[in-house]
Protein backbone atom coordinates (compact mmCIF):
# COMPACT_ATOMS: atom_id res chain seq x y z
CA MET A 1 54.18 80.59 115.66
CA GLY A 2 57.11 78.69 117.18
CA VAL A 3 58.69 78.02 113.80
CA SER A 4 58.34 81.69 112.83
CA ALA A 5 60.02 82.71 116.09
CA LEU A 6 62.89 80.26 115.46
CA LYS A 7 63.34 81.67 111.96
CA GLU A 8 63.48 85.20 113.33
CA VAL A 9 65.98 84.32 116.08
CA PHE A 10 68.10 82.36 113.61
CA SER A 11 68.09 85.26 111.15
CA ASP A 12 68.92 87.84 113.83
CA LEU A 13 71.83 85.77 115.14
CA ARG A 14 73.20 85.11 111.65
CA LYS A 15 73.14 88.85 110.93
CA LYS A 16 75.38 89.22 113.99
CA GLN A 17 77.64 86.50 112.54
CA VAL A 18 76.69 84.02 115.26
CA GLN A 19 76.70 80.39 114.16
CA VAL A 20 73.52 78.60 115.21
CA TYR A 21 73.20 74.85 115.69
CA PHE A 22 70.28 72.72 116.76
CA ALA A 23 70.69 69.57 118.84
CA SER A 24 68.59 66.64 119.99
CA ALA A 25 65.46 67.56 118.04
CA LYS A 26 62.85 64.86 118.55
CA ILE A 27 61.20 63.15 115.57
CA PRO A 28 57.87 65.05 115.90
CA VAL A 29 59.76 68.35 115.89
CA ARG A 30 61.80 67.37 112.83
CA ASP A 31 58.59 66.26 111.08
CA MET A 32 56.99 69.63 111.87
CA PHE A 33 60.06 71.44 110.50
CA GLU A 34 59.76 69.39 107.32
CA LYS A 35 56.05 70.22 106.91
CA CYS A 36 56.66 73.93 107.59
CA ASN A 37 59.57 74.10 105.10
CA PHE A 38 61.87 75.15 107.93
CA TYR A 39 64.76 73.28 106.32
CA GLU A 40 64.55 75.60 103.33
CA PHE A 41 65.35 78.45 105.72
CA VAL A 42 67.74 76.61 108.05
CA SER A 43 69.86 73.92 106.43
CA LYS A 44 69.78 70.41 107.87
CA GLU A 45 73.55 70.82 108.22
CA ASN A 46 72.78 72.95 111.29
CA PHE A 47 71.14 70.00 113.08
CA TYR A 48 73.00 67.47 115.22
CA PRO A 49 71.83 64.37 117.06
CA THR A 50 73.34 65.38 120.41
CA LEU A 51 74.41 68.52 122.22
CA ARG A 52 77.92 67.10 122.35
CA ASP A 53 77.97 66.81 118.55
CA ALA A 54 76.75 70.40 118.11
CA THR A 55 79.25 71.86 120.57
CA GLY A 56 82.03 69.74 119.09
CA ILE A 57 81.43 71.05 115.57
CA ALA A 58 81.12 74.59 116.92
CA ARG A 59 84.54 74.28 118.57
CA LEU A 60 86.06 72.87 115.39
CA ARG A 61 84.64 75.68 113.29
CA GLN A 62 85.82 78.29 115.78
CA ASN A 63 89.33 76.88 115.53
CA GLU A 64 89.12 76.87 111.72
CA PHE A 65 88.37 80.59 111.77
CA GLY A 66 91.04 81.35 114.35
CA PHE A 67 88.75 81.86 117.33
CA ILE A 68 90.66 79.74 119.78
CA ASP A 69 88.93 79.44 123.12
CA THR A 70 91.56 79.89 125.81
CA SER A 71 89.15 79.14 128.62
CA ARG A 72 88.85 75.72 130.21
CA VAL A 73 87.40 73.15 127.83
CA PRO A 74 86.26 70.25 129.98
CA GLU A 75 87.19 66.75 128.88
CA PHE A 76 83.62 65.73 129.63
CA ASP A 77 80.84 68.00 128.48
CA GLU A 78 78.87 68.75 131.66
CA VAL A 79 75.79 69.96 129.75
CA SER A 80 75.57 66.64 127.89
CA ASN A 81 75.78 64.82 131.20
CA VAL A 82 72.77 66.75 132.49
CA THR A 83 70.68 66.44 129.32
CA ASN A 84 71.45 62.74 128.91
CA ASN A 85 70.09 62.07 132.38
CA LEU A 86 66.77 63.81 131.76
CA PRO A 87 63.78 61.53 131.26
CA ASN A 88 62.49 61.35 127.69
CA HIS A 89 59.00 62.79 127.28
C-alpha cells in the first residue's frame, strides 16, 4: 500500500510540474522498491544519498530553469543538521 501511495503522490506532484526527489532511503526500502518495480515508475535518478544532495540538485535545477530563489539560502543546511543527528533505526 505504501508504494502505491508514493506512486500516486509522485504522479500528482509531477502533473503539477513539481520536481520530486527522494533522499536517505535505507537499504531495506530500496530493496522493496526494486521488488515492487517502483524504479520503473520513478527513475533512480530521483534518489539521492542525503537530504543535502537532494536539495542541492533541486536548487541547481531551479537555477537552470530560471527559478532563482531570492530568499535566504543558508550556508549550512539546517535540515541536514537535524537529520544527521537522528539515531539510525
